[in-house]
PDB file of N, CA and C in Angstrom:
ATOM      1  N   GLN A   1     194.694 200.909 148.764  1.00  0.00           N
ATOM      2  CA  GLN A   1     195.878 200.880 149.600  1.00  0.00           C
ATOM      3  C   GLN A   1     196.718 199.617 149.412  1.00  0.00           C
ATOM      4  N   LEU A   2     196.145 198.558 148.869  1.00  0.00           N
ATOM      5  CA  LEU A   2     196.874 197.330 148.599  1.00  0.00           C
ATOM      6  C   LEU A   2     197.176 197.237 147.111  1.00  0.00           C
ATOM      7  N   GLN A   3     198.425 196.943 146.787  1.00  0.00           N
ATOM      8  CA  GLN A   3     198.844 196.841 145.397  1.00  0.00           C
ATOM      9  C   GLN A   3     199.493 195.488 145.186  1.00  0.00           C
ATOM     10  N   ALA A   4     198.845 194.628 144.406  1.00  0.00           N
ATOM     11  CA  ALA A   4     199.390 193.318 144.075  1.00  0.00           C
ATOM     12  C   ALA A   4     200.162 193.401 142.769  1.00  0.00           C
ATOM     13  N   SER A   5     201.282 192.693 142.707  1.00  0.00           N
ATOM     14  CA  SER A   5     202.101 192.691 141.497  1.00  0.00           C
ATOM     15  C   SER A   5     202.856 191.380 141.399  1.00  0.00           C
ATOM     16  N   GLY A   6     203.485 191.165 140.240  1.00  0.00           N
ATOM     17  CA  GLY A   6     204.317 189.990 140.054  1.00  0.00           C
ATOM     18  C   GLY A   6     203.714 188.893 139.201  1.00  0.00           C
ATOM     19  N   GLY A   7     202.487 189.070 138.776  1.00  0.00           N
ATOM     20  CA  GLY A   7     201.862 188.075 137.934  1.00  0.00           C
ATOM     21  C   GLY A   7     202.479 188.036 136.548  1.00  0.00           C
ATOM     22  N   GLY A   8     202.093 187.035 135.766  1.00  0.00           N
ATOM     23  CA  GLY A   8     202.617 186.922 134.418  1.00  0.00           C
ATOM     24  C   GLY A   8     202.257 185.592 133.798  1.00  0.00           C
ATOM     25  N   LEU A   9     202.897 185.320 132.664  1.00  0.00           N
ATOM     26  CA  LEU A   9     202.693 184.074 131.923  1.00  0.00           C
ATOM     27  C   LEU A   9     203.926 183.202 132.069  1.00  0.00           C
ATOM     28  N   VAL A  10     203.730 181.987 132.588  1.00  0.00           N
ATOM     29  CA  VAL A  10     204.844 181.061 132.766  1.00  0.00           C
ATOM     30  C   VAL A  10     204.431 179.675 132.301  1.00  0.00           C
ATOM     31  N   GLN A  11     205.415 178.848 132.040  1.00  0.00           N
ATOM     32  CA  GLN A  11     205.145 177.457 131.694  1.00  0.00           C
ATOM     33  C   GLN A  11     204.984 176.628 132.971  1.00  0.00           C
ATOM     34  N   ALA A  12     204.249 175.567 132.850  1.00  0.00           N
ATOM     35  CA  ALA A  12     204.051 174.672 133.987  1.00  0.00           C
ATOM     36  C   ALA A  12     205.401 174.202 134.529  1.00  0.00           C
ATOM     37  N   GLY A  13     205.485 174.143 135.846  1.00  0.00           N
ATOM     38  CA  GLY A  13     206.720 173.735 136.502  1.00  0.00           C
ATOM     39  C   GLY A  13     207.603 174.893 136.927  1.00  0.00           C
ATOM     40  N   ASN A  14     207.332 176.060 136.385  1.00  0.00           N
ATOM     41  CA  ASN A  14     208.128 177.239 136.730  1.00  0.00           C
ATOM     42  C   ASN A  14     207.569 177.944 137.957  1.00  0.00           C
ATOM     43  N   SER A  15     208.196 179.085 138.300  1.00  0.00           N
ATOM     44  CA  SER A  15     207.845 179.799 139.526  1.00  0.00           C
ATOM     45  C   SER A  15     207.506 181.259 139.254  1.00  0.00           C
ATOM     46  N   LEU A  16     206.742 181.814 140.159  1.00  0.00           N
ATOM     47  CA  LEU A  16     206.456 183.243 140.198  1.00  0.00           C
ATOM     48  C   LEU A  16     206.414 183.679 141.652  1.00  0.00           C
ATOM     49  N   LYS A  17     206.735 184.940 141.890  1.00  0.00           N
ATOM     50  CA  LYS A  17     206.614 185.486 143.236  1.00  0.00           C
ATOM     51  C   LYS A  17     205.745 186.725 143.183  1.00  0.00           C
ATOM     52  N   LEU A  18     204.623 186.675 143.861  1.00  0.00           N
ATOM     53  CA  LEU A  18     203.713 187.804 143.930  1.00  0.00           C
ATOM     54  C   LEU A  18     204.050 188.660 145.141  1.00  0.00           C
ATOM     55  N   SER A  19     203.826 189.962 144.985  1.00  0.00           N
ATOM     56  CA  SER A  19     204.021 190.897 146.085  1.00  0.00           C
ATOM     57  C   SER A  19     202.739 191.661 146.328  1.00  0.00           C
ATOM     58  N   CYS A  20     202.517 192.000 147.574  1.00  0.00           N
ATOM     59  CA  CYS A  20     201.366 192.812 147.965  1.00  0.00           C
ATOM     60  C   CYS A  20     201.895 193.937 148.830  1.00  0.00           C
ATOM     61  N   THR A  21     201.884 195.144 148.287  1.00  0.00           N
ATOM     62  CA  THR A  21     202.467 196.287 148.974  1.00  0.00           C
ATOM     63  C   THR A  21     201.369 197.215 149.458  1.00  0.00           C
ATOM     64  N   VAL A  22     201.565 197.735 150.658  1.00  0.00           N
ATOM     65  CA  VAL A  22     200.604 198.659 151.238  1.00  0.00           C
ATOM     66  C   VAL A  22     201.148 200.078 151.164  1.00  0.00           C
ATOM     67  N   SER A  23     200.300 200.979 150.770  1.00  0.00           N
ATOM     68  CA  SER A  23     200.706 202.382 150.739  1.00  0.00           C
ATOM     69  C   SER A  23     199.761 203.191 151.605  1.00  0.00           C
ATOM     70  N   ARG A  24     200.256 204.233 152.154  1.00  0.00           N
ATOM     71  CA  ARG A  24     199.459 205.182 152.939  1.00  0.00           C
ATOM     72  C   ARG A  24     198.694 204.480 154.063  1.00  0.00           C
ATOM     73  N   ASP A  25     199.346 203.590 154.771  1.00  0.00           N
ATOM     74  CA  ASP A  25     198.645 202.845 155.807  1.00  0.00           C
ATOM     75  C   ASP A  25     198.843 203.445 157.186  1.00  0.00           C
ATOM     76  N   GLY A  26     199.645 204.518 157.299  1.00  0.00           N
ATOM     77  CA  GLY A  26     199.871 205.146 158.580  1.00  0.00           C
ATOM     78  C   GLY A  26     200.529 204.221 159.584  1.00  0.00           C
ATOM     79  N   GLY A  27     201.344 203.280 159.086  1.00  0.00           N
ATOM     80  CA  GLY A  27     202.033 202.380 160.003  1.00  0.00           C
ATOM     81  C   GLY A  27     201.188 201.231 160.496  1.00  0.00           C
ATOM     82  N   MET A  28     200.089 200.931 159.800  1.00  0.00           N
ATOM     83  CA  MET A  28     199.137 199.940 160.279  1.00  0.00           C
ATOM     84  C   MET A  28     199.357 198.549 159.711  1.00  0.00           C
ATOM     85  N   PHE A  29     200.258 198.385 158.740  1.00  0.00           N
ATOM     86  CA  PHE A  29     200.391 197.097 158.066  1.00  0.00           C
ATOM     87  C   PHE A  29     200.604 195.952 159.045  1.00  0.00           C
ATOM     88  N   SER A  30     201.419 196.185 160.065  1.00  0.00           N
ATOM     89  CA  SER A  30     201.735 195.125 161.013  1.00  0.00           C
ATOM     90  C   SER A  30     200.540 194.712 161.859  1.00  0.00           C
ATOM     91  N   ARG A  31     199.455 195.450 161.810  1.00  0.00           N
ATOM     92  CA  ARG A  31     198.257 195.116 162.582  1.00  0.00           C
ATOM     93  C   ARG A  31     197.269 194.271 161.784  1.00  0.00           C
ATOM     94  N   TYR A  32     197.661 193.893 160.565  1.00  0.00           N
ATOM     95  CA  TYR A  32     196.761 193.139 159.702  1.00  0.00           C
ATOM     96  C   TYR A  32     197.322 191.760 159.363  1.00  0.00           C
ATOM     97  N   ALA A  33     196.483 190.766 159.445  1.00  0.00           N
ATOM     98  CA  ALA A  33     196.801 189.500 158.805  1.00  0.00           C
ATOM     99  C   ALA A  33     196.638 189.701 157.300  1.00  0.00           C
ATOM    100  N   THR A  34     197.361 188.924 156.521  1.00  0.00           N
ATOM    101  CA  THR A  34     197.319 189.083 155.069  1.00  0.00           C
ATOM    102  C   THR A  34     196.957 187.762 154.410  1.00  0.00           C
ATOM    103  N   GLY A  35     196.094 187.843 153.443  1.00  0.00           N
ATOM    104  CA  GLY A  35     195.688 186.638 152.741  1.00  0.00           C
ATOM    105  C   GLY A  35     195.817 186.803 151.237  1.00  0.00           C
ATOM    106  N   TRP A  36     195.955 185.669 150.565  1.00  0.00           N
ATOM    107  CA  TRP A  36     195.926 185.627 149.106  1.00  0.00           C
ATOM    108  C   TRP A  36     194.749 184.756 148.686  1.00  0.00           C
ATOM    109  N   PHE A  37     194.002 185.249 147.731  1.00  0.00           N
ATOM    110  CA  PHE A  37     192.878 184.534 147.155  1.00  0.00           C
ATOM    111  C   PHE A  37     193.042 184.556 145.640  1.00  0.00           C
ATOM    112  N   ARG A  38     192.324 183.677 144.974  1.00  0.00           N
ATOM    113  CA  ARG A  38     192.393 183.672 143.508  1.00  0.00           C
ATOM    114  C   ARG A  38     191.026 183.376 142.927  1.00  0.00           C
ATOM    115  N   GLN A  39     190.835 183.834 141.696  1.00  0.00           N
ATOM    116  CA  GLN A  39     189.572 183.597 141.008  1.00  0.00           C
ATOM    117  C   GLN A  39     189.848 183.290 139.558  1.00  0.00           C
ATOM    118  N   ALA A  40     189.459 182.096 139.151  1.00  0.00           N
ATOM    119  CA  ALA A  40     189.582 181.686 137.763  1.00  0.00           C
ATOM    120  C   ALA A  40     188.279 182.013 137.035  1.00  0.00           C
ATOM    121  N   PRO A  41     188.326 182.153 135.716  1.00  0.00           N
ATOM    122  CA  PRO A  41     187.110 182.493 134.956  1.00  0.00           C
ATOM    123  C   PRO A  41     185.983 181.500 135.211  1.00  0.00           C
ATOM    124  N   GLY A  42     184.816 182.042 135.532  1.00  0.00           N
ATOM    125  CA  GLY A  42     183.647 181.196 135.743  1.00  0.00           C
ATOM    126  C   GLY A  42     183.571 180.536 137.100  1.00  0.00           C
ATOM    127  N   LEU A  43     184.569 180.789 137.942  1.00  0.00           N
ATOM    128  CA  LEU A  43     184.595 180.156 139.255  1.00  0.00           C
ATOM    129  C   LEU A  43     184.542 181.206 140.353  1.00  0.00           C
ATOM    130  N   GLU A  44     184.204 180.760 141.560  1.00  0.00           N
ATOM    131  CA  GLU A  44     184.177 181.673 142.683  1.00  0.00           C
ATOM    132  C   GLU A  44     185.594 181.932 143.197  1.00  0.00           C
ATOM    133  N   ARG A  45     185.737 183.053 143.897  1.00  0.00           N
ATOM    134  CA  ARG A  45     187.011 183.373 144.511  1.00  0.00           C
ATOM    135  C   ARG A  45     187.310 182.334 145.587  1.00  0.00           C
ATOM    136  N   GLU A  46     188.564 181.862 145.619  1.00  0.00           N
ATOM    137  CA  GLU A  46     188.920 180.833 146.578  1.00  0.00           C
ATOM    138  C   GLU A  46     190.160 181.219 147.366  1.00  0.00           C
ATOM    139  N   PHE A  47     190.229 180.693 148.555  1.00  0.00           N
ATOM    140  CA  PHE A  47     191.353 180.934 149.445  1.00  0.00           C
ATOM    141  C   PHE A  47     192.598 180.230 148.921  1.00  0.00           C
ATOM    142  N   VAL A  48     193.749 180.906 149.044  1.00  0.00           N
ATOM    143  CA  VAL A  48     195.019 180.309 148.641  1.00  0.00           C
ATOM    144  C   VAL A  48     195.940 180.151 149.848  1.00  0.00           C
ATOM    145  N   ALA A  49     196.196 181.267 150.544  1.00  0.00           N
ATOM    146  CA  ALA A  49     197.121 181.229 151.682  1.00  0.00           C
ATOM    147  C   ALA A  49     196.889 182.445 152.551  1.00  0.00           C
ATOM    148  N   ALA A  50     197.276 182.341 153.824  1.00  0.00           N
ATOM    149  CA  ALA A  50     197.138 183.466 154.737  1.00  0.00           C
ATOM    150  C   ALA A  50     198.257 183.414 155.769  1.00  0.00           C
ATOM    151  N   ILE A  51     198.606 184.581 156.281  1.00  0.00           N
ATOM    152  CA  ILE A  51     199.670 184.680 157.273  1.00  0.00           C
ATOM    153  C   ILE A  51     199.251 185.651 158.363  1.00  0.00           C
ATOM    154  N   GLY A  52     199.557 185.298 159.610  1.00  0.00           N
ATOM    155  CA  GLY A  52     199.217 186.145 160.731  1.00  0.00           C
ATOM    156  C   GLY A  52     200.121 187.361 160.815  1.00  0.00           C
ATOM    157  N   ARG A  53     199.855 188.182 161.814  1.00  0.00           N
ATOM    158  CA  ARG A  53     200.570 189.441 161.949  1.00  0.00           C
ATOM    159  C   ARG A  53     202.062 189.249 162.163  1.00  0.00           C
ATOM    160  N   ARG A  54     202.468 188.214 162.833  1.00  0.00           N
ATOM    161  CA  ARG A  54     203.880 188.019 163.146  1.00  0.00           C
ATOM    162  C   ARG A  54     204.494 186.849 162.397  1.00  0.00           C
ATOM    163  N   SER A  55     203.886 186.440 161.317  1.00  0.00           N
ATOM    164  CA  SER A  55     204.415 185.380 160.447  1.00  0.00           C
ATOM    165  C   SER A  55     204.423 184.013 161.099  1.00  0.00           C
ATOM    166  N   GLY A  56     204.004 183.923 162.365  1.00  0.00           N
ATOM    167  CA  GLY A  56     204.047 182.631 163.025  1.00  0.00           C
ATOM    168  C   GLY A  56     202.972 181.671 162.578  1.00  0.00           C
ATOM    169  N   SER A  57     201.878 182.204 162.103  1.00  0.00           N
ATOM    170  CA  SER A  57     200.754 181.365 161.672  1.00  0.00           C
ATOM    171  C   SER A  57     200.582 181.492 160.176  1.00  0.00           C
ATOM    172  N   THR A  58     200.637 180.381 159.504  1.00  0.00           N
ATOM    173  CA  THR A  58     200.391 180.368 158.069  1.00  0.00           C
ATOM    174  C   THR A  58     199.424 179.231 157.745  1.00  0.00           C
ATOM    175  N   TYR A  59     198.578 179.462 156.766  1.00  0.00           N
ATOM    176  CA  TYR A  59     197.625 178.452 156.319  1.00  0.00           C
ATOM    177  C   TYR A  59     197.611 178.424 154.805  1.00  0.00           C
ATOM    178  N   TYR A  60     197.386 177.228 154.277  1.00  0.00           N
ATOM    179  CA  TYR A  60     197.375 177.051 152.835  1.00  0.00           C
ATOM    180  C   TYR A  60     196.186 176.209 152.419  1.00  0.00           C
ATOM    181  N   ALA A  61     195.679 176.493 151.253  1.00  0.00           N
ATOM    182  CA  ALA A  61     194.689 175.607 150.656  1.00  0.00           C
ATOM    183  C   ALA A  61     195.375 174.300 150.285  1.00  0.00           C
ATOM    184  N   ASP A  62     194.654 173.222 150.358  1.00  0.00           N
ATOM    185  CA  ASP A  62     195.234 171.912 150.035  1.00  0.00           C
ATOM    186  C   ASP A  62     195.827 171.888 148.630  1.00  0.00           C
ATOM    187  N   ALA A  63     195.225 172.618 147.713  1.00  0.00           N
ATOM    188  CA  ALA A  63     195.661 172.589 146.318  1.00  0.00           C
ATOM    189  C   ALA A  63     197.053 173.187 146.114  1.00  0.00           C
ATOM    190  N   VAL A  64     197.494 174.016 147.063  1.00  0.00           N
ATOM    191  CA  VAL A  64     198.793 174.684 146.888  1.00  0.00           C
ATOM    192  C   VAL A  64     199.803 174.295 147.958  1.00  0.00           C
ATOM    193  N   LYS A  65     199.378 173.534 148.945  1.00  0.00           N
ATOM    194  CA  LYS A  65     200.257 173.160 150.040  1.00  0.00           C
ATOM    195  C   LYS A  65     201.481 172.413 149.518  1.00  0.00           C
ATOM    196  N   GLY A  66     202.655 172.852 149.978  1.00  0.00           N
ATOM    197  CA  GLY A  66     203.899 172.245 149.523  1.00  0.00           C
ATOM    198  C   GLY A  66     204.489 172.885 148.287  1.00  0.00           C
ATOM    199  N   ARG A  67     203.709 173.725 147.608  1.00  0.00           N
ATOM    200  CA  ARG A  67     204.201 174.396 146.395  1.00  0.00           C
ATOM    201  C   ARG A  67     204.278 175.913 146.576  1.00  0.00           C
ATOM    202  N   PHE A  68     203.376 176.471 147.359  1.00  0.00           N
ATOM    203  CA  PHE A  68     203.334 177.910 147.583  1.00  0.00           C
ATOM    204  C   PHE A  68     203.809 178.229 148.999  1.00  0.00           C
ATOM    205  N   THR A  69     204.442 179.407 149.140  1.00  0.00           N
ATOM    206  CA  THR A  69     204.891 179.865 150.450  1.00  0.00           C
ATOM    207  C   THR A  69     204.507 181.326 150.630  1.00  0.00           C
ATOM    208  N   ILE A  70     203.783 181.608 151.700  1.00  0.00           N
ATOM    209  CA  ILE A  70     203.416 182.983 152.011  1.00  0.00           C
ATOM    210  C   ILE A  70     204.373 183.523 153.060  1.00  0.00           C
ATOM    211  N   SER A  71     204.713 184.796 152.934  1.00  0.00           N
ATOM    212  CA  SER A  71     205.603 185.441 153.894  1.00  0.00           C
ATOM    213  C   SER A  71     205.270 186.927 153.954  1.00  0.00           C
ATOM    214  N   ARG A  72     205.885 187.608 154.895  1.00  0.00           N
ATOM    215  CA  ARG A  72     205.646 189.043 155.003  1.00  0.00           C
ATOM    216  C   ARG A  72     206.876 189.726 155.573  1.00  0.00           C
ATOM    217  N   ASP A  73     207.023 190.983 155.228  1.00  0.00           N
ATOM    218  CA  ASP A  73     208.080 191.831 155.765  1.00  0.00           C
ATOM    219  C   ASP A  73     207.394 193.094 156.261  1.00  0.00           C
ATOM    220  N   ASN A  74     207.174 193.166 157.567  1.00  0.00           N
ATOM    221  CA  ASN A  74     206.424 194.309 158.109  1.00  0.00           C
ATOM    222  C   ASN A  74     207.163 195.619 157.915  1.00  0.00           C
ATOM    223  N   ALA A  75     208.490 195.598 157.933  1.00  0.00           N
ATOM    224  CA  ALA A  75     209.263 196.822 157.740  1.00  0.00           C
ATOM    225  C   ALA A  75     209.056 197.374 156.339  1.00  0.00           C
ATOM    226  N   LYS A  76     208.887 196.483 155.369  1.00  0.00           N
ATOM    227  CA  LYS A  76     208.659 196.914 153.983  1.00  0.00           C
ATOM    228  C   LYS A  76     207.174 197.011 153.657  1.00  0.00           C
ATOM    229  N   LYS A  77     206.311 196.692 154.628  1.00  0.00           N
ATOM    230  CA  LYS A  77     204.863 196.747 154.416  1.00  0.00           C
ATOM    231  C   LYS A  77     204.461 195.908 153.202  1.00  0.00           C
ATOM    232  N   THR A  78     205.044 194.754 153.092  1.00  0.00           N
ATOM    233  CA  THR A  78     204.835 193.916 151.917  1.00  0.00           C
ATOM    234  C   THR A  78     204.624 192.469 152.325  1.00  0.00           C
ATOM    235  N   ALA A  79     203.672 191.836 151.670  1.00  0.00           N
ATOM    236  CA  ALA A  79     203.462 190.403 151.806  1.00  0.00           C
ATOM    237  C   ALA A  79     203.803 189.739 150.478  1.00  0.00           C
ATOM    238  N   TYR A  80     204.217 188.482 150.550  1.00  0.00           N
ATOM    239  CA  TYR A  80     204.673 187.784 149.349  1.00  0.00           C
ATOM    240  C   TYR A  80     203.963 186.438 149.224  1.00  0.00           C
ATOM    241  N   LEU A  81     203.883 185.976 147.995  1.00  0.00           N
ATOM    242  CA  LEU A  81     203.418 184.619 147.737  1.00  0.00           C
ATOM    243  C   LEU A  81     204.376 184.012 146.721  1.00  0.00           C
ATOM    244  N   GLN A  82     205.255 183.142 147.195  1.00  0.00           N
ATOM    245  CA  GLN A  82     206.173 182.418 146.321  1.00  0.00           C
ATOM    246  C   GLN A  82     205.446 181.196 145.787  1.00  0.00           C
ATOM    247  N   MET A  83     205.363 181.105 144.478  1.00  0.00           N
ATOM    248  CA  MET A  83     204.620 180.021 143.845  1.00  0.00           C
ATOM    249  C   MET A  83     205.588 179.180 143.017  1.00  0.00           C
ATOM    250  N   ASP A  84     205.809 177.964 143.434  1.00  0.00           N
ATOM    251  CA  ASP A  84     206.701 177.042 142.743  1.00  0.00           C
ATOM    252  C   ASP A  84     205.910 175.893 142.138  1.00  0.00           C
ATOM    253  N   SER A  85     206.535 175.196 141.222  1.00  0.00           N
ATOM    254  CA  SER A  85     205.906 174.039 140.572  1.00  0.00           C
ATOM    255  C   SER A  85     204.500 174.375 140.083  1.00  0.00           C
ATOM    256  N   LEU A  86     204.392 175.485 139.399  1.00  0.00           N
ATOM    257  CA  LEU A  86     203.079 175.952 138.960  1.00  0.00           C
ATOM    258  C   LEU A  86     202.429 174.978 137.987  1.00  0.00           C
ATOM    259  N   LYS A  87     201.116 174.907 138.070  1.00  0.00           N
ATOM    260  CA  LYS A  87     200.314 174.029 137.223  1.00  0.00           C
ATOM    261  C   LYS A  87     199.314 174.863 136.431  1.00  0.00           C
ATOM    262  N   PRO A  88     198.845 174.368 135.305  1.00  0.00           N
ATOM    263  CA  PRO A  88     197.830 175.118 134.548  1.00  0.00           C
ATOM    264  C   PRO A  88     196.606 175.452 135.387  1.00  0.00           C
ATOM    265  N   GLU A  89     196.237 174.613 136.315  1.00  0.00           N
ATOM    266  CA  GLU A  89     195.058 174.882 137.148  1.00  0.00           C
ATOM    267  C   GLU A  89     195.291 176.000 138.157  1.00  0.00           C
ATOM    268  N   ASP A  90     196.521 176.510 138.262  1.00  0.00           N
ATOM    269  CA  ASP A  90     196.786 177.670 139.102  1.00  0.00           C
ATOM    270  C   ASP A  90     196.466 178.976 138.377  1.00  0.00           C
ATOM    271  N   THR A  91     196.119 178.893 137.114  1.00  0.00           N
ATOM    272  CA  THR A  91     195.780 180.084 136.343  1.00  0.00           C
ATOM    273  C   THR A  91     194.569 180.777 136.937  1.00  0.00           C
ATOM    274  N   ALA A  92     194.731 182.065 137.247  1.00  0.00           N
ATOM    275  CA  ALA A  92     193.665 182.836 137.883  1.00  0.00           C
ATOM    276  C   ALA A  92     194.151 184.266 138.092  1.00  0.00           C
ATOM    277  N   VAL A  93     193.231 185.114 138.482  1.00  0.00           N
ATOM    278  CA  VAL A  93     193.602 186.432 139.005  1.00  0.00           C
ATOM    279  C   VAL A  93     193.824 186.260 140.502  1.00  0.00           C
ATOM    280  N   TYR A  94     194.969 186.697 140.974  1.00  0.00           N
ATOM    281  CA  TYR A  94     195.329 186.561 142.384  1.00  0.00           C
ATOM    282  C   TYR A  94     195.137 187.903 143.088  1.00  0.00           C
ATOM    283  N   TYR A  95     194.463 187.844 144.224  1.00  0.00           N
ATOM    284  CA  TYR A  95     194.176 189.029 145.009  1.00  0.00           C
ATOM    285  C   TYR A  95     194.815 188.912 146.391  1.00  0.00           C
ATOM    286  N   CYS A  96     195.373 190.024 146.866  1.00  0.00           N
ATOM    287  CA  CYS A  96     195.801 190.048 148.256  1.00  0.00           C
ATOM    288  C   CYS A  96     194.774 190.832 149.070  1.00  0.00           C
ATOM    289  N   ALA A  97     194.706 190.523 150.336  1.00  0.00           N
ATOM    290  CA  ALA A  97     193.728 191.143 151.207  1.00  0.00           C
ATOM    291  C   ALA A  97     194.298 191.284 152.612  1.00  0.00           C
ATOM    292  N   ALA A  98     193.766 192.237 153.359  1.00  0.00           N
ATOM    293  CA  ALA A  98     194.236 192.507 154.714  1.00  0.00           C
ATOM    294  C   ALA A  98     193.074 192.458 155.689  1.00  0.00           C
ATOM    295  N   ASP A  99     193.322 191.840 156.831  1.00  0.00           N
ATOM    296  CA  ASP A  99     192.292 191.639 157.860  1.00  0.00           C
ATOM    297  C   ASP A  99     192.829 192.172 159.187  1.00  0.00           C
ATOM    298  N   HIS A 100     192.158 193.181 159.741  1.00  0.00           N
ATOM    299  CA  HIS A 100     192.595 193.772 160.997  1.00  0.00           C
ATOM    300  C   HIS A 100     192.265 192.827 162.143  1.00  0.00           C
ATOM    301  N   VAL A 101     193.300 192.283 162.795  1.00  0.00           N
ATOM    302  CA  VAL A 101     193.102 191.295 163.847  1.00  0.00           C
ATOM    303  C   VAL A 101     194.002 191.597 165.033  1.00  0.00           C
ATOM    304  N   ILE A 102     193.723 190.950 166.151  1.00  0.00           N
ATOM    305  CA  ILE A 102     194.598 191.091 167.301  1.00  0.00           C
ATOM    306  C   ILE A 102     195.886 190.304 167.045  1.00  0.00           C
ATOM    307  N   LEU A 103     196.924 190.601 167.815  1.00  0.00           N
ATOM    308  CA  LEU A 103     198.247 190.068 167.565  1.00  0.00           C
ATOM    309  C   LEU A 103     198.277 188.542 167.550  1.00  0.00           C
ATOM    310  N   SER A 104     197.520 187.919 168.430  1.00  0.00           N
ATOM    311  CA  SER A 104     197.591 186.471 168.576  1.00  0.00           C
ATOM    312  C   SER A 104     196.639 185.706 167.667  1.00  0.00           C
ATOM    313  N   ALA A 105     195.854 186.417 166.890  1.00  0.00           N
ATOM    314  CA  ALA A 105     194.825 185.750 166.096  1.00  0.00           C
ATOM    315  C   ALA A 105     195.427 184.965 164.937  1.00  0.00           C
ATOM    316  N   ASP A 106     194.838 183.814 164.676  1.00  0.00           N
ATOM    317  CA  ASP A 106     195.201 183.069 163.479  1.00  0.00           C
ATOM    318  C   ASP A 106     194.563 183.744 162.269  1.00  0.00           C
ATOM    319  N   PRO A 107     195.223 183.723 161.124  1.00  0.00           N
ATOM    320  CA  PRO A 107     194.636 184.359 159.945  1.00  0.00           C
ATOM    321  C   PRO A 107     193.431 183.576 159.436  1.00  0.00           C
ATOM    322  N   SER A 108     192.507 184.300 158.849  1.00  0.00           N
ATOM    323  CA  SER A 108     191.272 183.681 158.384  1.00  0.00           C
ATOM    324  C   SER A 108     191.414 183.140 156.965  1.00  0.00           C
ATOM    325  N   ARG A 109     190.646 182.096 156.695  1.00  0.00           N
ATOM    326  CA  ARG A 109     190.557 181.545 155.345  1.00  0.00           C
ATOM    327  C   ARG A 109     189.333 182.085 154.605  1.00  0.00           C
ATOM    328  N   LEU A 110     188.532 182.902 155.279  1.00  0.00           N
ATOM    329  CA  LEU A 110     187.279 183.386 154.700  1.00  0.00           C
ATOM    330  C   LEU A 110     187.461 184.763 154.088  1.00  0.00           C
ATOM    331  N   ALA A 111     187.093 184.896 152.824  1.00  0.00           N
ATOM    332  CA  ALA A 111     187.216 186.178 152.138  1.00  0.00           C
ATOM    333  C   ALA A 111     186.389 187.262 152.820  1.00  0.00           C
ATOM    334  N   THR A 112     185.267 186.879 153.395  1.00  0.00           N
ATOM    335  CA  THR A 112     184.376 187.863 154.018  1.00  0.00           C
ATOM    336  C   THR A 112     184.973 188.476 155.276  1.00  0.00           C
ATOM    337  N   ASP A 113     186.018 187.869 155.828  1.00  0.00           N
ATOM    338  CA  ASP A 113     186.650 188.424 157.021  1.00  0.00           C
ATOM    339  C   ASP A 113     187.646 189.536 156.703  1.00  0.00           C
ATOM    340  N   TYR A 114     188.023 189.662 155.456  1.00  0.00           N
ATOM    341  CA  TYR A 114     189.059 190.612 155.084  1.00  0.00           C
ATOM    342  C   TYR A 114     188.477 191.987 154.799  1.00  0.00           C
ATOM    343  N   ASP A 115     189.186 193.016 155.311  1.00  0.00           N
ATOM    344  CA  ASP A 115     188.685 194.390 155.253  1.00  0.00           C
ATOM    345  C   ASP A 115     189.110 195.130 153.993  1.00  0.00           C
ATOM    346  N   TYR A 116     190.283 194.834 153.486  1.00  0.00           N
ATOM    347  CA  TYR A 116     190.827 195.582 152.350  1.00  0.00           C
ATOM    348  C   TYR A 116     191.348 194.598 151.294  1.00  0.00           C
ATOM    349  N   TRP A 117     191.181 195.010 150.044  1.00  0.00           N
ATOM    350  CA  TRP A 117     191.552 194.154 148.925  1.00  0.00           C
ATOM    351  C   TRP A 117     192.374 194.931 147.904  1.00  0.00           C
ATOM    352  N   GLY A 118     193.342 194.241 147.303  1.00  0.00           N
ATOM    353  CA  GLY A 118     194.079 194.801 146.193  1.00  0.00           C
ATOM    354  C   GLY A 118     193.325 194.574 144.894  1.00  0.00           C
ATOM    355  N   GLN A 119     193.880 195.065 143.811  1.00  0.00           N
ATOM    356  CA  GLN A 119     193.181 195.043 142.526  1.00  0.00           C
ATOM    357  C   GLN A 119     193.354 193.730 141.767  1.00  0.00           C
ATOM    358  N   GLY A 120     194.257 192.874 142.180  1.00  0.00           N
ATOM    359  CA  GLY A 120     194.453 191.594 141.513  1.00  0.00           C
ATOM    360  C   GLY A 120     195.567 191.633 140.488  1.00  0.00           C
ATOM    361  N   THR A 121     196.231 190.494 140.334  1.00  0.00           N
ATOM    362  CA  THR A 121     197.274 190.352 139.325  1.00  0.00           C
ATOM    363  C   THR A 121     197.074 189.004 138.627  1.00  0.00           C
ATOM    364  N   GLN A 122     197.169 189.004 137.300  1.00  0.00           N
ATOM    365  CA  GLN A 122     196.877 187.810 136.517  1.00  0.00           C
ATOM    366  C   GLN A 122     198.063 186.859 136.508  1.00  0.00           C
ATOM    367  N   VAL A 123     197.787 185.613 136.795  1.00  0.00           N
ATOM    368  CA  VAL A 123     198.774 184.538 136.682  1.00  0.00           C
ATOM    369  C   VAL A 123     198.252 183.532 135.659  1.00  0.00           C
ATOM    370  N   THR A 124     199.033 183.279 134.634  1.00  0.00           N
ATOM    371  CA  THR A 124     198.653 182.325 133.606  1.00  0.00           C
ATOM    372  C   THR A 124     199.753 181.281 133.471  1.00  0.00           C
ATOM    373  N   VAL A 125     199.378 180.024 133.616  1.00  0.00           N
ATOM    374  CA  VAL A 125     200.329 178.926 133.540  1.00  0.00           C
ATOM    375  C   VAL A 125     199.987 178.077 132.318  1.00  0.00           C
ATOM    376  N   SER A 126     200.902 177.992 131.393  1.00  0.00           N
ATOM    377  CA  SER A 126     200.675 177.219 130.178  1.00  0.00           C
ATOM    378  C   SER A 126     201.222 175.806 130.346  1.00  0.00           C
ATOM    379  N   SER A 127     200.586 174.882 129.659  1.00  0.00           N
ATOM    380  CA  SER A 127     201.007 173.473 129.773  1.00  0.00           C
ATOM    381  C   SER A 127     202.075 173.132 128.753  1.00  0.00           C
TER     382      SER A 127
END
C-alpha cells in the first residue's frame, strides 16, 4: 500500500525529493504518522525523519537535521522527504513507513513501531 519514489543518482551538494504515496487505504492515510528510514549496504536500517498525523510534530536524525525536510499532504495521501545538500554518506535505500497512532501522538523514531512499509527507493550520492 505504500509506494516510495524519487530516488536516483546525484552529485554531492545537490537535492532530491522522495515521495511516499498510499494506495487503497480507504481514507486512512491521515490516521498514520509517517516515517522515513534508510539502509546502506552492510548496515542496519536507521531512522531518518518522521512526521505526525497533522504535520505539527517532526523529528530528524542528527545526521540529516538542517538538510532534510519531511512533510505530508493528507489530501494527496502522500508524504515527502526533501533532501538538500546531499552527501555521499546519505547513499542508501530509503524506505517510507506508516504507524497508526492517535491524533496527538508524536511520531516514533523506532522502526519496530511502524505497521506498514514501502518497497524502498535507491538514493546514490557521488562525490
